[in-house]
Structures are given as C-alpha cells and as structure tokens.
Amino acid sequence: TSGELIAIVNAKSSGDNVEGIGFAIPTRIVRTVVRDLITHGYVTGRPSIGIKCVSIETQRYMMYYKVNDYGVYVSEVINEDAIAAGLQAEDLIVAIEDSKVASFEDMKSALNRFKPGDTVTLTVLRGREKVNLKVTLIEKNTVNN
C-alpha cells in the first residue's frame, strides 16, 4: 500500500482453463544478485564441481553416450581439485552425497545444499564400476562450470 516493491515476477503461468499464477524473486535476493553482477560479472557464492556436462535423461542419450544409467555425463573436467580427486571425462555422476542424480536439475538441486570450498562425495559410474570420489567444490563464475 506504500508503493514498496516486495518481489520481481520472473515466471508466470496462464491458460484458458486455469487461473494465472506468478512466481517472484524477493527483492532482498534481487539486490544481492544485481550487486554481484555489477561488481563481479557473476553471482557469487554458488557452488560448482567444475565440469562441462550433458544431462542424460533419455534412452536415446544413454545409447549415444554409451552409458547404462541416467545421470550427468562429464564431457570435460576443468577444476584442478576435481581432476586431483580422480574425476574424469566420460564419468557419469549418479549421486552427490545422499542425493540421487538422474539429470542436470537433480545435480543443481544437490549442489545448492553446499557452498564453494565444501567437500562432497560424488558417486560416478565409470564403465560398469561404481566409484566414490571426494571433490572440493569451487565457486561457479561462468556458464561453463
């Protein structure tokens, strides 16, 4: 009623047989994001494994990448700590700590429970072998990691 902004709408759903629904980001978060973008060129504090990857969510992708399960296929490892921990291109990430990873969205959700500098256990499939790796997360600062 005072003309103060509470949130910024970032998605809206509507249709013929439904009442419109909007999703908003609180202004306290928007302020932080805008400040980070202006100062650093990216949003700080977001964790990353430091990989380039493909989400394996269909049988077609499983066949194309020659994997036997759903998960996140590592196409390139760009984090030196992850390389030192043993993570390799062609690994398939299937879990982070106690969270199953069957898609890129699952991986993002699991990582959002941590912060850069935290060490997490990745469960990867390497061929038919299941391997657990301890990887220290880095700060995500580009779209590539």
Protein backbone atom coordinates (compact mmCIF):
# COMPACT_ATOMS: atom_id res chain seq x y z
CA THR A 1 0.00 0.00 0.00
CA SER A 2 3.02 2.29 0.41
CA GLY A 3 4.26 1.59 -3.08
CA GLU A 4 7.17 -0.54 -1.83
CA LEU A 5 8.35 -3.32 -4.10
CA ILE A 6 8.21 -6.75 -2.44
CA ALA A 7 9.33 -9.00 -5.31
CA ILE A 8 10.01 -9.16 -9.03
CA VAL A 9 7.98 -11.63 -11.10
CA ASN A 10 10.29 -13.95 -13.00
CA ALA A 11 7.79 -16.51 -14.36
CA LYS A 12 4.05 -16.54 -14.97
CA SER A 13 1.71 -19.31 -15.99
CA SER A 14 -1.68 -18.78 -17.52
CA GLY A 15 -4.16 -20.56 -19.78
CA ASP A 16 -7.78 -20.82 -20.83
CA ASN A 17 -8.91 -23.13 -18.04
CA VAL A 18 -6.56 -22.06 -15.26
CA GLU A 19 -6.16 -19.08 -13.03
CA GLY A 20 -2.87 -17.28 -13.68
CA ILE A 21 -0.06 -18.00 -11.27
CA GLY A 22 3.13 -15.98 -10.90
CA PHE A 23 6.49 -16.79 -9.36
CA ALA A 24 8.54 -13.99 -7.89
CA ILE A 25 12.03 -13.38 -6.55
CA PRO A 26 12.13 -11.40 -3.28
CA THR A 27 13.79 -8.01 -3.63
CA ARG A 28 16.40 -8.88 -0.96
CA ILE A 29 17.67 -11.62 -3.33
CA VAL A 30 17.39 -9.38 -6.39
CA ARG A 31 19.51 -6.72 -4.65
CA THR A 32 22.25 -9.27 -3.90
CA VAL A 33 22.20 -10.70 -7.43
CA VAL A 34 22.29 -7.25 -9.08
CA ARG A 35 25.12 -6.12 -6.77
CA ASP A 36 27.15 -9.27 -7.61
CA LEU A 37 26.53 -8.88 -11.35
CA ILE A 38 27.67 -5.26 -11.31
CA THR A 39 30.70 -5.89 -9.09
CA HIS A 40 31.90 -9.31 -10.27
CA GLY A 41 30.06 -10.04 -13.53
CA TYR A 42 28.51 -13.18 -12.00
CA VAL A 43 26.55 -14.21 -8.89
CA THR A 44 28.98 -15.14 -6.11
CA GLY A 45 28.70 -17.99 -3.64
CA ARG A 46 27.21 -20.59 -5.98
CA PRO A 47 28.92 -24.00 -5.83
CA SER A 48 30.19 -25.94 -8.82
CA ILE A 49 32.01 -29.20 -9.43
CA GLY A 50 33.93 -27.55 -12.27
CA ILE A 51 32.84 -29.65 -15.23
CA LYS A 52 31.31 -29.40 -18.66
CA CYS A 53 28.50 -31.90 -18.81
CA VAL A 54 25.45 -33.36 -20.53
CA SER A 55 22.23 -34.35 -18.78
CA ILE A 56 21.43 -37.99 -19.63
CA GLU A 57 17.66 -38.11 -19.27
CA THR A 58 16.54 -40.33 -22.16
CA GLN A 59 17.29 -43.80 -23.51
CA ARG A 60 18.49 -42.12 -26.72
CA TYR A 61 21.13 -40.13 -24.81
CA MET A 62 22.14 -43.25 -22.89
CA MET A 63 22.78 -45.06 -26.17
CA TYR A 64 24.54 -42.08 -27.78
CA TYR A 65 26.94 -41.58 -24.82
CA LYS A 66 27.25 -45.34 -24.22
CA VAL A 67 26.16 -45.25 -20.57
CA ASN A 68 23.90 -47.63 -18.67
CA ASP A 69 22.04 -45.23 -16.38
CA TYR A 70 20.57 -41.75 -16.10
CA GLY A 71 22.73 -39.02 -14.61
CA VAL A 72 25.14 -36.26 -15.59
CA TYR A 73 27.77 -37.24 -18.15
CA VAL A 74 31.11 -35.46 -17.68
CA SER A 75 32.43 -34.23 -21.03
CA GLU A 76 35.33 -32.23 -19.55
CA VAL A 77 36.78 -31.60 -16.08
CA ILE A 78 38.01 -28.01 -15.66
CA ASN A 79 38.53 -27.91 -11.88
CA GLU A 80 42.05 -28.94 -10.83
CA ASP A 81 40.74 -30.22 -7.46
CA ALA A 82 38.21 -32.46 -9.25
CA ILE A 83 40.96 -33.78 -11.53
CA ALA A 84 43.16 -34.48 -8.49
CA ALA A 85 40.22 -36.28 -6.83
CA GLY A 86 40.05 -38.59 -9.84
CA LEU A 87 37.02 -37.26 -11.72
CA GLN A 88 37.40 -37.98 -15.43
CA ALA A 89 35.73 -37.17 -18.72
CA GLU A 90 33.17 -39.88 -19.59
CA ASP A 91 32.28 -40.46 -15.91
CA LEU A 92 28.55 -40.48 -15.21
CA ILE A 93 27.59 -38.70 -11.97
CA VAL A 94 24.70 -40.63 -10.38
CA ALA A 95 24.75 -39.22 -6.81
CA ILE A 96 26.06 -36.31 -4.76
CA GLU A 97 26.26 -37.23 -1.07
CA ASP A 98 22.85 -38.80 -0.33
CA SER A 99 21.04 -37.24 -3.32
CA LYS A 100 20.40 -39.33 -6.44
CA VAL A 101 21.37 -37.53 -9.65
CA ALA A 102 19.33 -38.51 -12.71
CA SER A 103 19.53 -35.13 -14.51
CA PHE A 104 21.27 -31.77 -14.58
CA GLU A 105 18.43 -30.32 -12.47
CA ASP A 106 19.00 -33.01 -9.82
CA MET A 107 22.69 -32.10 -9.76
CA LYS A 108 21.94 -28.38 -9.35
CA SER A 109 19.49 -29.09 -6.52
CA ALA A 110 22.01 -31.32 -4.73
CA LEU A 111 24.83 -28.77 -5.12
CA ASN A 112 22.69 -25.91 -3.81
CA ARG A 113 22.85 -27.51 -0.34
CA PHE A 114 26.58 -26.70 -0.23
CA LYS A 115 28.91 -23.74 -0.72
CA PRO A 116 32.21 -23.28 -2.53
CA GLY A 117 35.02 -24.87 -0.54
CA ASP A 118 32.85 -27.71 0.80
CA THR A 119 33.99 -31.25 0.03
CA VAL A 120 31.30 -33.63 -1.25
CA THR A 121 31.23 -37.28 -2.23
CA LEU A 122 30.33 -37.90 -5.86
CA THR A 123 29.20 -41.35 -6.90
CA VAL A 124 30.12 -41.93 -10.53
CA LEU A 125 29.77 -44.80 -12.93
CA ARG A 126 32.97 -45.45 -14.83
CA GLY A 127 32.06 -48.11 -17.33
CA ARG A 128 30.24 -50.65 -15.14
CA GLU A 129 32.20 -49.79 -11.99
CA LYS A 130 30.75 -47.51 -9.28
CA VAL A 131 33.37 -45.13 -7.85
CA ASN A 132 33.09 -42.67 -4.92
CA LEU A 133 35.19 -39.51 -5.19
CA LYS A 134 35.70 -36.69 -2.67
CA VAL A 135 35.62 -33.40 -4.60
CA THR A 136 36.05 -29.87 -3.25
CA LEU A 137 33.51 -27.52 -4.79
CA ILE A 138 34.57 -24.28 -6.46
CA GLU A 139 32.67 -21.05 -6.96
CA LYS A 140 30.65 -21.02 -10.14
CA ASN A 141 31.67 -17.92 -12.05
CA THR A 142 30.80 -18.69 -15.66
CA VAL A 143 28.23 -20.68 -17.57
CA ASN A 144 30.94 -23.29 -18.16
CA ASN A 145 31.23 -24.57 -14.62
